[in-house]
Amino acid sequence: MWSFKSVTIDNIPGRIVEAAVRKFATKRHTLLDFQSSATYVGTEKYFLGLEKEKSIELTRIRSPFERLLPKLVINFDKNDGFRRYKISKFK
């Protein structure tokens, strides 16, 4: 099961949002929908990220104890200047 919600960021410049996304994400090369985001390792990164040509997708790094919670994938549109994102929820 999945659902989408679109959110627009009006009060923060897109370059600041992009810098924060890149700072707190660990780069991955596979689709985040199918990749496990559970880990025991402590890190300064809070998200797994997949950079595509037109967007960047993020999912939060979860502990194995949080597997019961739904997986969220956040999709930032590069062409829109990181001012809009979509949230997808997977069960």
Protein backbone atom coordinates (compact mmCIF):
# COMPACT_ATOMS: atom_id res chain seq x y z
CA MET A 1 0.00 0.00 0.00
CA TRP A 2 1.30 3.48 -0.83
CA SER A 3 0.10 7.02 -0.86
CA PHE A 4 1.44 10.38 -1.98
CA LYS A 5 1.40 13.82 -0.49
CA SER A 6 2.98 16.89 -2.13
CA VAL A 7 4.38 19.73 -0.04
CA THR A 8 5.73 23.10 -1.20
CA ILE A 9 8.40 24.94 0.79
CA ASP A 10 7.87 28.69 0.44
CA ASN A 11 9.90 30.30 3.22
CA ILE A 12 13.36 28.69 2.72
CA PRO A 13 15.59 29.08 -0.37
CA GLY A 14 16.01 25.88 -2.38
CA ARG A 15 19.82 25.97 -2.16
CA ILE A 16 19.63 25.70 1.66
CA VAL A 17 17.27 22.73 1.41
CA GLU A 18 19.55 21.05 -1.14
CA ALA A 19 22.64 21.57 1.06
CA ALA A 20 20.86 20.05 4.08
CA VAL A 21 19.62 17.07 2.04
CA ARG A 22 23.12 16.35 0.73
CA LYS A 23 24.74 16.83 4.16
CA PHE A 24 22.52 14.36 6.03
CA ALA A 25 22.09 11.65 3.36
CA THR A 26 24.26 8.65 2.50
CA LYS A 27 24.35 8.00 -1.24
CA ARG A 28 22.89 4.72 -2.55
CA HIS A 29 22.72 3.35 -6.10
CA THR A 30 19.59 1.17 -5.93
CA LEU A 31 15.89 2.00 -5.69
CA LEU A 32 14.96 2.93 -2.15
CA ASP A 33 11.55 1.25 -2.39
CA PHE A 34 13.19 -2.16 -2.29
CA GLN A 35 16.33 -1.49 -0.24
CA SER A 36 16.38 -2.20 3.48
CA SER A 37 17.02 0.96 5.49
CA ALA A 38 17.52 -0.80 8.83
CA THR A 39 20.94 -0.67 10.47
CA TYR A 40 22.56 -0.91 13.89
CA VAL A 41 25.43 1.39 12.95
CA GLY A 42 25.49 4.85 14.54
CA THR A 43 26.21 7.58 12.02
CA GLU A 44 25.83 11.31 11.50
CA LYS A 45 23.69 10.57 8.45
CA TYR A 46 19.92 10.28 8.89
CA PHE A 47 18.83 9.33 5.35
CA LEU A 48 19.69 7.03 2.47
CA GLY A 49 19.61 8.95 -0.81
CA LEU A 50 19.32 8.05 -4.48
CA GLU A 51 20.17 10.80 -6.95
CA LYS A 52 18.46 10.60 -10.32
CA GLU A 53 18.66 12.93 -13.31
CA LYS A 54 15.63 15.01 -12.30
CA SER A 55 15.18 14.21 -8.61
CA ILE A 56 16.68 13.05 -5.34
CA GLU A 57 14.89 10.39 -3.28
CA LEU A 58 15.43 9.95 0.46
CA THR A 59 14.35 7.43 3.05
CA ARG A 60 15.22 7.62 6.72
CA ILE A 61 17.69 5.19 8.23
CA ARG A 62 15.79 3.02 10.69
CA SER A 63 16.90 0.77 13.50
CA PRO A 64 15.83 -2.89 13.17
CA PHE A 65 13.31 -2.26 15.96
CA GLU A 66 11.45 0.26 13.79
CA ARG A 67 10.62 -2.20 11.00
CA LEU A 68 6.97 -2.16 12.07
CA LEU A 69 6.67 1.51 11.13
CA PRO A 70 5.82 2.37 7.52
CA LYS A 71 8.68 3.19 5.17
CA LEU A 72 8.63 6.77 3.87
CA VAL A 73 10.33 7.84 0.64
CA ILE A 74 10.73 11.59 0.07
CA ASN A 75 11.25 12.78 -3.51
CA PHE A 76 12.73 16.26 -4.15
CA ASP A 77 12.41 17.66 -7.67
CA LYS A 78 15.74 19.16 -8.83
CA ASN A 79 14.12 21.17 -11.64
CA ASP A 80 11.86 22.93 -9.15
CA GLY A 81 14.86 24.09 -7.09
CA PHE A 82 14.17 21.82 -4.09
CA ARG A 83 11.06 23.85 -3.23
CA ARG A 84 8.64 20.96 -3.63
CA TYR A 85 8.73 17.39 -2.40
CA LYS A 86 6.49 14.33 -2.48
CA ILE A 87 6.13 11.79 0.33
CA SER A 88 5.34 8.15 -0.47
CA LYS A 89 4.38 5.68 2.23
CA PHE A 90 4.96 1.95 1.87
CA LYS A 91 3.69 -0.73 4.25
